[in-house]
Each structure stands twice: as C-alpha cells, then as structure tokens.
Amino acid sequence: MPVHYVYLIIAIAAETIGTSALQASAQFSRLWPSVLVVLGYGTAFYFMALALKFMPVGIVYAIWSGLGIVLIALIGFVVFGQKLDLPAVVGLLFIIFGILVIHLFSNSATH
C-alpha cells in the first residue's frame, strides 16, 4: 500500500476518534474525552497534511471527510444508540460509492 494511503487511513482513524471523543466530552465538560478530542484532531490534521504531499487536496478531503462521516454514523449508531433511518443509510451508501468511484476510475487520486 502506498505510504500516502497509510497517512490518509491514520488521519481518518484519528479524526474518527476525535469526533467520537467530542460526543463523549459532553461539550468539553469532561477532561479526558476533551484531551482526546485535541489529540485526535491534531493527529488527523498532521497525517492529512502528509497525505497532501502526494494527493490533491480535493481528493484527500473528499476521502477523509466521506469516510469520517460514514464511520462516525456507525459509531453513533453502535456506541451512542443514535438511530439511522433509510434515507440516512442510503445517503451514507452514496458517500461510500463516491469514494469507490474516485479510487476505481479517477486519475486524480495521486499526483
């Protein structure tokens, strides 16, 4: 796997952890989840910046934000008991299909 995809996967994982901790921080009223928010987002932006050395910003951001949305929706459903109705699930599937189209058919995925 190319190193820029490793950077992007780390950035997505860190963003997902940071956003999950944001929910758990109760509007920054709990210390350790709040610390995890800052560390998660700091790590996410650092590794996203590394991925930008190899990939265009629009592609990096589309993949980073799209997969982050899908993962956070799943975590919200599983961990926080948040419900997803059919239109939400269909929308999330569109995001996944959009990311697959970028990877399978676009020549813009790398410089």
Protein backbone atom coordinates (compact mmCIF):
# COMPACT_ATOMS: atom_id res chain seq x y z
CA MET A 1 0.00 0.00 0.00
CA PRO A 2 1.42 3.41 -0.92
CA VAL A 3 2.55 5.49 2.04
CA HIS A 4 0.11 8.32 1.27
CA TYR A 5 -2.81 5.94 1.75
CA VAL A 6 -1.35 4.87 5.09
CA TYR A 7 -1.16 8.54 6.09
CA LEU A 8 -4.75 9.06 4.99
CA ILE A 9 -6.00 6.00 6.88
CA ILE A 10 -4.26 7.21 10.05
CA ALA A 11 -5.80 10.67 9.54
CA ILE A 12 -9.28 9.17 9.13
CA ALA A 13 -8.88 6.96 12.20
CA ALA A 14 -7.62 9.88 14.31
CA GLU A 15 -10.47 12.12 13.14
CA THR A 16 -12.98 9.40 13.95
CA ILE A 17 -11.52 9.00 17.45
CA GLY A 18 -11.52 12.77 17.94
CA THR A 19 -15.13 13.15 16.85
CA SER A 20 -16.26 10.22 18.99
CA ALA A 21 -14.47 11.79 21.95
CA LEU A 22 -16.20 15.09 21.14
CA GLN A 23 -19.55 13.41 21.77
CA ALA A 24 -18.21 11.79 24.94
CA SER A 25 -16.72 15.08 26.22
CA ALA A 26 -20.20 16.46 26.96
CA GLN A 27 -19.40 19.87 25.42
CA PHE A 28 -15.83 19.80 26.82
CA SER A 29 -17.05 19.38 30.39
CA ARG A 30 -15.18 16.06 30.84
CA LEU A 31 -11.38 16.30 30.89
CA TRP A 32 -10.10 13.08 29.32
CA PRO A 33 -12.50 12.93 26.38
CA SER A 34 -11.70 16.62 25.78
CA VAL A 35 -7.96 15.85 25.73
CA LEU A 36 -8.66 13.02 23.30
CA VAL A 37 -10.52 15.44 21.02
CA VAL A 38 -7.49 17.73 20.78
CA LEU A 39 -5.06 14.85 20.28
CA GLY A 40 -7.31 13.15 17.74
CA TYR A 41 -7.81 16.23 15.60
CA GLY A 42 -4.15 17.26 15.89
CA THR A 43 -3.05 13.82 14.72
CA ALA A 44 -5.67 13.80 11.97
CA PHE A 45 -4.55 17.12 10.52
CA TYR A 46 -0.88 16.19 10.76
CA PHE A 47 -1.33 12.96 8.80
CA MET A 48 -3.73 14.59 6.37
CA ALA A 49 -1.01 17.17 5.67
CA LEU A 50 1.43 14.34 4.96
CA ALA A 51 -1.03 12.78 2.52
CA LEU A 52 -1.30 16.15 0.75
CA LYS A 53 2.35 15.80 -0.33
CA PHE A 54 1.18 13.06 -2.71
CA MET A 55 -2.51 13.69 -3.42
CA PRO A 56 -4.62 16.72 -4.42
CA VAL A 57 -6.39 18.48 -1.58
CA GLY A 58 -9.86 17.91 -3.04
CA ILE A 59 -9.36 14.15 -3.26
CA VAL A 60 -7.79 13.91 0.20
CA TYR A 61 -10.56 15.94 1.77
CA ALA A 62 -13.30 14.03 -0.05
CA ILE A 63 -11.98 10.69 1.17
CA TRP A 64 -11.14 11.97 4.67
CA SER A 65 -14.48 13.63 5.27
CA GLY A 66 -16.55 10.97 3.49
CA LEU A 67 -15.14 8.01 5.36
CA GLY A 68 -15.19 10.04 8.57
CA ILE A 69 -18.92 10.69 8.10
CA VAL A 70 -19.65 7.02 7.50
CA LEU A 71 -17.53 5.82 10.43
CA ILE A 72 -18.97 8.40 12.83
CA ALA A 73 -22.51 7.49 11.79
CA LEU A 74 -21.73 3.83 12.52
CA ILE A 75 -20.12 4.67 15.87
CA GLY A 76 -23.07 6.89 16.74
CA PHE A 77 -25.40 4.00 15.97
CA VAL A 78 -23.42 1.29 17.79
CA VAL A 79 -21.90 3.17 20.73
CA PHE A 80 -24.23 6.09 21.36
CA GLY A 81 -27.51 4.46 20.30
CA GLN A 82 -28.29 7.08 17.66
CA LYS A 83 -30.79 5.92 15.06
CA LEU A 84 -30.34 5.96 11.29
CA ASP A 85 -33.41 5.94 9.06
CA LEU A 86 -33.49 4.60 5.50
CA PRO A 87 -32.68 7.94 3.81
CA ALA A 88 -29.64 8.34 6.09
CA VAL A 89 -28.41 4.84 5.25
CA VAL A 90 -28.93 5.46 1.51
CA GLY A 91 -27.02 8.75 1.78
CA LEU A 92 -24.15 7.03 3.56
CA LEU A 93 -24.06 4.39 0.82
CA PHE A 94 -23.83 7.17 -1.78
CA ILE A 95 -20.80 8.53 0.06
CA ILE A 96 -19.15 5.10 0.02
CA PHE A 97 -19.93 4.67 -3.69
CA GLY A 98 -18.49 8.13 -4.40
CA ILE A 99 -15.24 7.20 -2.69
CA LEU A 100 -15.11 3.94 -4.64
CA VAL A 101 -15.60 5.84 -7.91
CA ILE A 102 -12.65 8.08 -7.03
CA HIS A 103 -10.42 5.09 -6.31
CA LEU A 104 -11.52 2.90 -9.18
CA PHE A 105 -11.95 5.38 -12.02
CA SER A 106 -10.20 8.68 -11.25
CA ASN A 107 -6.67 9.51 -12.33
CA SER A 108 -6.69 12.39 -9.82
CA ALA A 109 -6.13 10.17 -6.78
CA THR A 110 -2.35 10.78 -6.86
CA HIS A 111 -0.08 13.47 -8.33
